[in-house]
C-alpha atoms as a PDB file:
ATOM      1  CA  UNK A   1      73.240  87.455 119.595  1.00  0.00           C
ATOM      2  CA  UNK A   2      75.086  88.311 116.405  1.00  0.00           C
ATOM      3  CA  UNK A   3      78.830  88.691 116.903  1.00  0.00           C
ATOM      4  CA  UNK A   4      80.910  91.053 114.858  1.00  0.00           C
ATOM      5  CA  UNK A   5      84.660  90.962 114.543  1.00  0.00           C
ATOM      6  CA  UNK A   6      86.902  93.411 116.340  1.00  0.00           C
ATOM      7  CA  UNK A   7      88.529  96.104 114.237  1.00  0.00           C
ATOM      8  CA  UNK A   8      91.886  95.888 112.416  1.00  0.00           C
ATOM      9  CA  UNK A   9      93.789  98.925 111.175  1.00  0.00           C
ATOM     10  CA  UNK A  10      95.482  99.125 107.834  1.00  0.00           C
ATOM     11  CA  UNK A  11      98.437  96.894 107.023  1.00  0.00           C
ATOM     12  CA  UNK A  12     101.871  96.946 105.486  1.00  0.00           C
ATOM     13  CA  UNK A  13     101.769  93.753 103.476  1.00  0.00           C
ATOM     14  CA  UNK A  14      99.237  93.818 100.662  1.00  0.00           C
ATOM     15  CA  UNK A  15      97.687  90.574 101.848  1.00  0.00           C
ATOM     16  CA  UNK A  16      97.104  91.999 105.305  1.00  0.00           C
ATOM     17  CA  UNK A  17      94.937  94.681 103.762  1.00  0.00           C
ATOM     18  CA  UNK A  18      92.236  92.069 103.412  1.00  0.00           C
ATOM     19  CA  UNK A  19      92.926  90.186 106.636  1.00  0.00           C
ATOM     20  CA  UNK A  20      92.690  93.292 108.768  1.00  0.00           C
ATOM     21  CA  UNK A  21      89.378  94.414 107.278  1.00  0.00           C
ATOM     22  CA  UNK A  22      87.929  92.048 109.877  1.00  0.00           C
ATOM     23  CA  UNK A  23      88.256  94.712 112.538  1.00  0.00           C
ATOM     24  CA  UNK A  24      87.700  97.794 110.408  1.00  0.00           C
ATOM     25  CA  UNK A  25      84.170  96.877 109.422  1.00  0.00           C
ATOM     26  CA  UNK A  26      82.973  96.984 113.001  1.00  0.00           C
ATOM     27  CA  UNK A  27      84.440 100.408 113.573  1.00  0.00           C
ATOM     28  CA  UNK A  28      82.783 101.684 110.404  1.00  0.00           C
ATOM     29  CA  UNK A  29      86.186 102.357 108.861  1.00  0.00           C
ATOM     30  CA  UNK A  30      86.254  99.853 106.011  1.00  0.00           C
ATOM     31  CA  UNK A  31      85.938 102.614 103.428  1.00  0.00           C
ATOM     32  CA  UNK A  32      89.369 103.886 104.477  1.00  0.00           C
ATOM     33  CA  UNK A  33      91.151 100.637 103.715  1.00  0.00           C
ATOM     34  CA  UNK A  34      92.822  99.483 100.548  1.00  0.00           C
ATOM     35  CA  UNK A  35      95.716  97.234  99.654  1.00  0.00           C
ATOM     36  CA  UNK A  36      99.057  98.363 101.007  1.00  0.00           C
ATOM     37  CA  UNK A  37     102.391  98.248  99.208  1.00  0.00           C
ATOM     38  CA  UNK A  38     103.242  95.142  97.216  1.00  0.00           C
ATOM     39  CA  UNK A  39     105.209  92.940  99.622  1.00  0.00           C
ATOM     40  CA  UNK A  40     108.649  91.595  99.027  1.00  0.00           C
ATOM     41  CA  UNK A  41     111.913  91.315 100.908  1.00  0.00           C
ATOM     42  CA  UNK A  42     112.217  94.043 103.518  1.00  0.00           C
ATOM     43  CA  UNK A  43     113.977  97.248 102.459  1.00  0.00           C
ATOM     44  CA  UNK A  44     117.744  96.925 102.491  1.00  0.00           C
ATOM     45  CA  UNK A  45     117.751  93.157 102.044  1.00  0.00           C
ATOM     46  CA  UNK A  46     119.364  91.480  99.047  1.00  0.00           C
ATOM     47  CA  UNK A  47     118.169  87.885  98.807  1.00  0.00           C
ATOM     48  CA  UNK A  48     120.965  85.375  98.256  1.00  0.00           C
ATOM     49  CA  UNK A  49     120.925  83.284  95.123  1.00  0.00           C
ATOM     50  CA  UNK A  50     119.583  79.822  95.784  1.00  0.00           C
ATOM     51  CA  UNK A  51     116.576  77.643  96.446  1.00  0.00           C
ATOM     52  CA  UNK A  52     115.867  78.956  99.931  1.00  0.00           C
ATOM     53  CA  UNK A  53     115.586  82.548  98.717  1.00  0.00           C
ATOM     54  CA  UNK A  54     113.201  81.435  95.980  1.00  0.00           C
ATOM     55  CA  UNK A  55     111.161  79.525  98.562  1.00  0.00           C
ATOM     56  CA  UNK A  56     110.913  82.638 100.745  1.00  0.00           C
ATOM     57  CA  UNK A  57     109.665  84.611  97.761  1.00  0.00           C
ATOM     58  CA  UNK A  58     107.069  81.928  97.105  1.00  0.00           C
ATOM     59  CA  UNK A  59     106.006  82.011 100.751  1.00  0.00           C
ATOM     60  CA  UNK A  60     105.439  85.750 100.473  1.00  0.00           C
ATOM     61  CA  UNK A  61     103.317  85.263  97.357  1.00  0.00           C
ATOM     62  CA  UNK A  62     101.260  82.598  99.113  1.00  0.00           C
ATOM     63  CA  UNK A  63     100.802  84.904 102.083  1.00  0.00           C
ATOM     64  CA  UNK A  64      99.539  87.683  99.814  1.00  0.00           C
ATOM     65  CA  UNK A  65      97.165  85.309  98.040  1.00  0.00           C
ATOM     66  CA  UNK A  66      95.809  84.067 101.366  1.00  0.00           C
ATOM     67  CA  UNK A  67      95.173  87.637 102.465  1.00  0.00           C
ATOM     68  CA  UNK A  68      93.419  88.398  99.190  1.00  0.00           C
ATOM     69  CA  UNK A  69      90.876  85.669  99.924  1.00  0.00           C
ATOM     70  CA  UNK A  70      90.642  86.331 103.667  1.00  0.00           C
ATOM     71  CA  UNK A  71      87.481  88.404 103.466  1.00  0.00           C
ATOM     72  CA  UNK A  72      85.723  90.160 106.366  1.00  0.00           C
ATOM     73  CA  UNK A  73      83.963  87.228 108.012  1.00  0.00           C
ATOM     74  CA  UNK A  74      83.917  85.462 111.319  1.00  0.00           C
ATOM     75  CA  UNK A  75      86.110  82.654 110.066  1.00  0.00           C
ATOM     76  CA  UNK A  76      89.052  82.424 107.696  1.00  0.00           C
ATOM     77  CA  UNK A  77      87.936  80.936 104.342  1.00  0.00           C
ATOM     78  CA  UNK A  78      89.094  77.405 103.602  1.00  0.00           C
ATOM     79  CA  UNK A  79      91.153  78.567 100.616  1.00  0.00           C
ATOM     80  CA  UNK A  80      93.027  81.062 102.773  1.00  0.00           C
ATOM     81  CA  UNK A  81      93.595  78.496 105.489  1.00  0.00           C
ATOM     82  CA  UNK A  82      95.201  76.186 102.962  1.00  0.00           C
ATOM     83  CA  UNK A  83      97.516  78.939 101.721  1.00  0.00           C
ATOM     84  CA  UNK A  84      98.506  79.970 105.237  1.00  0.00           C
ATOM     85  CA  UNK A  85      99.328  76.323 105.881  1.00  0.00           C
ATOM     86  CA  UNK A  86     101.484  76.329 102.743  1.00  0.00           C
ATOM     87  CA  UNK A  87     103.307  79.423 104.000  1.00  0.00           C
ATOM     88  CA  UNK A  88     104.035  77.652 107.275  1.00  0.00           C
ATOM     89  CA  UNK A  89     105.155  74.478 105.525  1.00  0.00           C
ATOM     90  CA  UNK A  90     107.371  76.338 103.047  1.00  0.00           C
ATOM     91  CA  UNK A  91     109.041  78.531 105.633  1.00  0.00           C
ATOM     92  CA  UNK A  92     109.640  75.723 108.118  1.00  0.00           C
ATOM     93  CA  UNK A  93     110.933  73.175 105.623  1.00  0.00           C
ATOM     94  CA  UNK A  94     112.634  75.244 102.939  1.00  0.00           C
ATOM     95  CA  UNK A  95     113.691  78.586 104.418  1.00  0.00           C
ATOM     96  CA  UNK A  96     114.570  78.594 108.115  1.00  0.00           C
ATOM     97  CA  UNK A  97     118.244  77.937 108.714  1.00  0.00           C
ATOM     98  CA  UNK A  98     119.027  78.268 105.013  1.00  0.00           C
ATOM     99  CA  UNK A  99     119.046  82.041 104.450  1.00  0.00           C
ATOM    100  CA  UNK A 100     120.884  85.021 105.885  1.00  0.00           C
ATOM    101  CA  UNK A 101     119.857  86.199 109.345  1.00  0.00           C
ATOM    102  CA  UNK A 102     117.986  89.298 108.112  1.00  0.00           C
ATOM    103  CA  UNK A 103     115.997  87.150 105.682  1.00  0.00           C
ATOM    104  CA  UNK A 104     115.325  84.672 108.455  1.00  0.00           C
ATOM    105  CA  UNK A 105     113.661  87.466 110.440  1.00  0.00           C
ATOM    106  CA  UNK A 106     111.566  88.127 107.332  1.00  0.00           C
ATOM    107  CA  UNK A 107     110.632  84.428 107.264  1.00  0.00           C
ATOM    108  CA  UNK A 108     109.708  84.360 110.946  1.00  0.00           C
ATOM    109  CA  UNK A 109     107.453  87.393 110.449  1.00  0.00           C
ATOM    110  CA  UNK A 110     105.538  85.603 107.687  1.00  0.00           C
ATOM    111  CA  UNK A 111     105.435  82.430 109.748  1.00  0.00           C
ATOM    112  CA  UNK A 112     104.159  84.189 112.868  1.00  0.00           C
ATOM    113  CA  UNK A 113     101.384  86.067 111.071  1.00  0.00           C
ATOM    114  CA  UNK A 114     100.290  82.965 109.147  1.00  0.00           C
ATOM    115  CA  UNK A 115     100.113  80.920 112.337  1.00  0.00           C
ATOM    116  CA  UNK A 116      98.169  83.727 113.980  1.00  0.00           C
ATOM    117  CA  UNK A 117      95.538  83.488 111.230  1.00  0.00           C
ATOM    118  CA  UNK A 118      95.514  79.694 111.615  1.00  0.00           C
ATOM    119  CA  UNK A 119      94.775  80.223 115.329  1.00  0.00           C
ATOM    120  CA  UNK A 120      97.964  78.405 116.221  1.00  0.00           C
ATOM    121  CA  UNK A 121      98.572  81.097 118.781  1.00  0.00           C
ATOM    122  CA  UNK A 122     101.321  79.424 120.800  1.00  0.00           C
ATOM    123  CA  UNK A 123     103.285  78.676 117.636  1.00  0.00           C
ATOM    124  CA  UNK A 124     102.733  82.197 116.332  1.00  0.00           C
ATOM    125  CA  UNK A 125     104.110  83.680 119.545  1.00  0.00           C
ATOM    126  CA  UNK A 126     107.067  81.307 119.449  1.00  0.00           C
ATOM    127  CA  UNK A 127     107.863  82.307 115.858  1.00  0.00           C
ATOM    128  CA  UNK A 128     107.631  85.974 116.805  1.00  0.00           C
ATOM    129  CA  UNK A 129     109.986  85.402 119.730  1.00  0.00           C
ATOM    130  CA  UNK A 130     112.483  83.624 117.466  1.00  0.00           C
ATOM    131  CA  UNK A 131     112.415  86.487 114.976  1.00  0.00           C
ATOM    132  CA  UNK A 132     112.912  89.048 117.746  1.00  0.00           C
ATOM    133  CA  UNK A 133     115.810  87.088 119.243  1.00  0.00           C
ATOM    134  CA  UNK A 134     117.643  86.813 115.918  1.00  0.00           C
ATOM    135  CA  UNK A 135     117.093  90.491 115.153  1.00  0.00           C
ATOM    136  CA  UNK A 136     118.390  91.646 118.522  1.00  0.00           C
ATOM    137  CA  UNK A 137     121.213  89.115 118.914  1.00  0.00           C
ATOM    138  CA  UNK A 138     122.573  89.780 115.434  1.00  0.00           C
ATOM    139  CA  UNK A 139     122.066  93.541 115.878  1.00  0.00           C
ATOM    140  CA  UNK A 140     120.293  93.777 112.530  1.00  0.00           C
ATOM    141  CA  UNK A 141     119.468  97.303 111.414  1.00  0.00           C
ATOM    142  CA  UNK A 142     117.401  96.512 108.298  1.00  0.00           C
ATOM    143  CA  UNK A 143     113.870  95.086 107.857  1.00  0.00           C
ATOM    144  CA  UNK A 144     112.293  97.069 110.665  1.00  0.00           C
ATOM    145  CA  UNK A 145     108.878  96.037 109.393  1.00  0.00           C
ATOM    146  CA  UNK A 146     109.519  92.359 110.050  1.00  0.00           C
ATOM    147  CA  UNK A 147     110.976  93.105 113.476  1.00  0.00           C
ATOM    148  CA  UNK A 148     107.856  95.077 114.346  1.00  0.00           C
ATOM    149  CA  UNK A 149     105.625  92.233 113.191  1.00  0.00           C
ATOM    150  CA  UNK A 150     107.523  89.828 115.443  1.00  0.00           C
ATOM    151  CA  UNK A 151     107.226  92.249 118.358  1.00  0.00           C
ATOM    152  CA  UNK A 152     103.465  92.671 118.092  1.00  0.00           C
ATOM    153  CA  UNK A 153     102.218  89.217 117.094  1.00  0.00           C
ATOM    154  CA  UNK A 154     101.767  88.172 120.728  1.00  0.00           C
ATOM    155  CA  UNK A 155      99.352  91.040 121.239  1.00  0.00           C
ATOM    156  CA  UNK A 156      97.481  90.129 118.063  1.00  0.00           C
ATOM    157  CA  UNK A 157      97.110  86.567 119.288  1.00  0.00           C
ATOM    158  CA  UNK A 158      95.754  87.692 122.648  1.00  0.00           C
ATOM    159  CA  UNK A 159      93.272  90.032 120.944  1.00  0.00           C
ATOM    160  CA  UNK A 160      92.082  87.231 118.640  1.00  0.00           C
ATOM    161  CA  UNK A 161      91.751  84.755 121.493  1.00  0.00           C
ATOM    162  CA  UNK A 162      89.678  87.311 123.389  1.00  0.00           C
ATOM    163  CA  UNK A 163      87.446  87.857 120.363  1.00  0.00           C
ATOM    164  CA  UNK A 164      86.899  84.124 119.986  1.00  0.00           C
ATOM    165  CA  UNK A 165      85.719  83.945 123.583  1.00  0.00           C
ATOM    166  CA  UNK A 166      83.471  86.973 123.105  1.00  0.00           C
ATOM    167  CA  UNK A 167      81.971  85.384 119.992  1.00  0.00           C
ATOM    168  CA  UNK A 168      80.960  82.240 121.858  1.00  0.00           C
ATOM    169  CA  UNK A 169      79.007  84.007 124.600  1.00  0.00           C
ATOM    170  CA  UNK A 170      75.304  83.003 124.504  1.00  0.00           C
ATOM    171  CA  UNK A 171      74.220  86.617 124.974  1.00  0.00           C
ATOM    172  CA  UNK A 172      75.495  90.048 126.029  1.00  0.00           C
ATOM    173  CA  UNK A 173      78.418  89.815 128.462  1.00  0.00           C
ATOM    174  CA  UNK A 174      77.869  90.191 132.173  1.00  0.00           C
ATOM    175  CA  UNK A 175      79.808  92.874 134.020  1.00  0.00           C
ATOM    176  CA  UNK A 176      82.383  90.320 135.170  1.00  0.00           C
ATOM    177  CA  UNK A 177      82.726  88.912 131.654  1.00  0.00           C
ATOM    178  CA  UNK A 178      83.143  92.383 130.158  1.00  0.00           C
ATOM    179  CA  UNK A 179      85.779  93.179 132.777  1.00  0.00           C
ATOM    180  CA  UNK A 180      87.682  89.993 131.968  1.00  0.00           C
ATOM    181  CA  UNK A 181      87.466  90.412 128.189  1.00  0.00           C
ATOM    182  CA  UNK A 182      88.494  94.057 128.157  1.00  0.00           C
ATOM    183  CA  UNK A 183      91.241  93.374 130.691  1.00  0.00           C
ATOM    184  CA  UNK A 184      92.795  91.026 128.176  1.00  0.00           C
ATOM    185  CA  UNK A 185      92.379  93.594 125.429  1.00  0.00           C
ATOM    186  CA  UNK A 186      94.343  96.000 127.618  1.00  0.00           C
ATOM    187  CA  UNK A 187      97.111  93.383 127.929  1.00  0.00           C
ATOM    188  CA  UNK A 188      97.057  92.980 124.137  1.00  0.00           C
ATOM    189  CA  UNK A 189      97.455  96.738 123.753  1.00  0.00           C
ATOM    190  CA  UNK A 190     100.458  96.720 126.065  1.00  0.00           C
ATOM    191  CA  UNK A 191     102.092  93.934 124.044  1.00  0.00           C
ATOM    192  CA  UNK A 192     101.462  95.724 120.757  1.00  0.00           C
ATOM    193  CA  UNK A 193     102.742  98.983 122.262  1.00  0.00           C
ATOM    194  CA  UNK A 194     106.194  97.400 122.654  1.00  0.00           C
ATOM    195  CA  UNK A 195     106.814  98.438 119.038  1.00  0.00           C
ATOM    196  CA  UNK A 196     106.924 102.079 120.203  1.00  0.00           C
ATOM    197  CA  UNK A 197     109.843 101.432 122.547  1.00  0.00           C
ATOM    198  CA  UNK A 198     111.905  99.836 119.768  1.00  0.00           C
ATOM    199  CA  UNK A 199     111.110 101.706 116.570  1.00  0.00           C
ATOM    200  CA  UNK A 200     110.661 105.281 115.440  1.00  0.00           C
ATOM    201  CA  UNK A 201     107.052 106.430 115.377  1.00  0.00           C
ATOM    202  CA  UNK A 202     107.403 107.382 111.710  1.00  0.00           C
ATOM    203  CA  UNK A 203     107.969 103.770 110.671  1.00  0.00           C
ATOM    204  CA  UNK A 204     104.945 102.242 108.922  1.00  0.00           C
ATOM    205  CA  UNK A 205     104.907  99.269 111.276  1.00  0.00           C
ATOM    206  CA  UNK A 206     104.765 101.637 114.266  1.00  0.00           C
ATOM    207  CA  UNK A 207     101.824 103.479 112.742  1.00  0.00           C
ATOM    208  CA  UNK A 208     100.202 100.102 112.122  1.00  0.00           C
ATOM    209  CA  UNK A 209     100.741  99.042 115.738  1.00  0.00           C
ATOM    210  CA  UNK A 210      99.250 102.263 117.064  1.00  0.00           C
ATOM    211  CA  UNK A 211      96.218 101.985 114.804  1.00  0.00           C
ATOM    212  CA  UNK A 212      95.780  98.484 116.185  1.00  0.00           C
ATOM    213  CA  UNK A 213      95.737  99.935 119.686  1.00  0.00           C
ATOM    214  CA  UNK A 214      92.982 102.345 118.681  1.00  0.00           C
ATOM    215  CA  UNK A 215      91.051  99.418 117.230  1.00  0.00           C
ATOM    216  CA  UNK A 216      91.245  97.613 120.552  1.00  0.00           C
ATOM    217  CA  UNK A 217      90.018 100.691 122.420  1.00  0.00           C
ATOM    218  CA  UNK A 218      87.062 100.698 120.054  1.00  0.00           C
ATOM    219  CA  UNK A 219      86.509  96.971 120.634  1.00  0.00           C
ATOM    220  CA  UNK A 220      86.528  97.421 124.408  1.00  0.00           C
ATOM    221  CA  UNK A 221      83.998 100.254 124.173  1.00  0.00           C
ATOM    222  CA  UNK A 222      81.701  98.049 122.126  1.00  0.00           C
ATOM    223  CA  UNK A 223      81.990  95.135 124.560  1.00  0.00           C
ATOM    224  CA  UNK A 224      80.982  97.368 127.475  1.00  0.00           C
ATOM    225  CA  UNK A 225      78.058  98.892 125.558  1.00  0.00           C
ATOM    226  CA  UNK A 226      76.676  95.621 124.159  1.00  0.00           C
ATOM    227  CA  UNK A 227      73.892  95.141 126.690  1.00  0.00           C
ATOM    228  CA  UNK A 228      74.927  96.334 130.140  1.00  0.00           C
ATOM    229  CA  UNK A 229      73.115  99.209 131.930  1.00  0.00           C
ATOM    230  CA  UNK A 230      74.523 102.679 131.302  1.00  0.00           C
ATOM    231  CA  UNK A 231      75.475 103.164 134.946  1.00  0.00           C
ATOM    232  CA  UNK A 232      77.748 100.126 134.580  1.00  0.00           C
ATOM    233  CA  UNK A 233      79.363 100.836 131.219  1.00  0.00           C
ATOM    234  CA  UNK A 234      79.674 104.636 131.337  1.00  0.00           C
ATOM    235  CA  UNK A 235      82.654 104.869 133.747  1.00  0.00           C
ATOM    236  CA  UNK A 236      84.401 101.969 132.017  1.00  0.00           C
ATOM    237  CA  UNK A 237      83.919 103.503 128.582  1.00  0.00           C
ATOM    238  CA  UNK A 238      85.324 106.817 129.816  1.00  0.00           C
ATOM    239  CA  UNK A 239      88.387 105.008 131.188  1.00  0.00           C
ATOM    240  CA  UNK A 240      88.915 103.333 127.833  1.00  0.00           C
ATOM    241  CA  UNK A 241      88.525 106.579 125.921  1.00  0.00           C
ATOM    242  CA  UNK A 242      91.216 108.007 128.197  1.00  0.00           C
ATOM    243  CA  UNK A 243      93.533 105.172 127.115  1.00  0.00           C
ATOM    244  CA  UNK A 244      93.199 106.302 123.508  1.00  0.00           C
ATOM    245  CA  UNK A 245      94.707 109.728 124.204  1.00  0.00           C
ATOM    246  CA  UNK A 246      98.352 108.641 124.766  1.00  0.00           C
ATOM    247  CA  UNK A 247      98.091 106.372 121.730  1.00  0.00           C
ATOM    248  CA  UNK A 248      96.903 109.228 119.527  1.00  0.00           C
ATOM    249  CA  UNK A 249      99.884 111.289 120.723  1.00  0.00           C
ATOM    250  CA  UNK A 250     102.278 108.671 119.304  1.00  0.00           C
ATOM    251  CA  UNK A 251     101.384 109.212 115.652  1.00  0.00           C
ATOM    252  CA  UNK A 252     103.745 111.252 113.449  1.00  0.00           C
ATOM    253  CA  UNK A 253     103.184 114.971 113.057  1.00  0.00           C
ATOM    254  CA  UNK A 254     103.624 114.646 109.299  1.00  0.00           C
ATOM    255  CA  UNK A 255     101.454 112.724 106.828  1.00  0.00           C
ATOM    256  CA  UNK A 256     101.553 108.927 107.072  1.00  0.00           C
ATOM    257  CA  UNK A 257      99.773 105.942 105.471  1.00  0.00           C
ATOM    258  CA  UNK A 258      96.086 105.503 106.336  1.00  0.00           C
ATOM    259  CA  UNK A 259      96.016 108.729 108.300  1.00  0.00           C
ATOM    260  CA  UNK A 260      92.286 108.995 107.625  1.00  0.00           C
ATOM    261  CA  UNK A 261      91.772 105.841 109.672  1.00  0.00           C
ATOM    262  CA  UNK A 262      93.431 107.417 112.704  1.00  0.00           C
ATOM    263  CA  UNK A 263      91.265 110.512 112.275  1.00  0.00           C
ATOM    264  CA  UNK A 264      88.137 108.355 112.044  1.00  0.00           C
ATOM    265  CA  UNK A 265      88.912 106.775 115.405  1.00  0.00           C
ATOM    266  CA  UNK A 266      89.902 110.117 116.916  1.00  0.00           C
ATOM    267  CA  UNK A 267      86.659 111.789 115.857  1.00  0.00           C
ATOM    268  CA  UNK A 268      84.572 108.838 117.000  1.00  0.00           C
ATOM    269  CA  UNK A 269      86.209 108.807 120.426  1.00  0.00           C
ATOM    270  CA  UNK A 270      85.917 112.576 120.842  1.00  0.00           C
ATOM    271  CA  UNK A 271      82.187 112.502 120.056  1.00  0.00           C
ATOM    272  CA  UNK A 272      81.590 109.710 122.561  1.00  0.00           C
ATOM    273  CA  UNK A 273      83.728 111.387 125.207  1.00  0.00           C
ATOM    274  CA  UNK A 274      81.838 114.647 124.780  1.00  0.00           C
ATOM    275  CA  UNK A 275      78.508 112.842 125.081  1.00  0.00           C
ATOM    276  CA  UNK A 276      79.337 110.562 128.003  1.00  0.00           C
ATOM    277  CA  UNK A 277      82.366 111.815 129.925  1.00  0.00           C
ATOM    278  CA  UNK A 278      82.087 115.600 130.261  1.00  0.00           C
ATOM    279  CA  UNK A 279      79.776 115.653 133.254  1.00  0.00           C
ATOM    280  CA  UNK A 280      76.493 117.599 133.617  1.00  0.00           C
END
């Protein structure tokens, strides 16, 4: 059985534009994705003069380069893996504890996402927790993007772990396996949704988090429909389509980045709901 990656919505860092194509291809949304804004220190941050600030800038460049090579495939290319490792090494040895607290949150965001891509999930979640703690303890009001990344990385890790398990199945999932896999995707959604309780829905990172939730709804639908009888998957799919509705309500009323991606999911879910969940 050929496995396809779960869908990723569009990113904020330029490098993530390539990383997150992994999920978009499956949803048929890859045409809506392009590189995001050129990354750099979060808005409102003025890097201090010194070696640590330069090292953080280099880590960001390495992260972008890794994302540029991280093409839609089942596994991260060796060149990207090496660059993610360099990000981790640079941040841990040359940045943490040597920059201002807001910049340290920036560093932890890069560290957490790099470790996520390296499948060092426990370390990624720890880095995200450290970034969140600093942000909240210091009552930082800048770099909302990095704070959001630290908030959601645990959910990303859980989604990736679930995908890895799905990929190793010898054939279509059984009903119990589908229930277990999609149950964990629901937990991942809940973790990612924590961004909504902390940040304004108009923030790019909040939009990103909500598009991720739609991607996981799509992934769950595909797991249920990948070989089970219709009488088994139909009620589960309808439940999952219902979970998309409150997520769709969280997007801004005004224009926002990658809005076409949200509309692609919305239209896809509405067509499926009309076909399968409206009754006779």
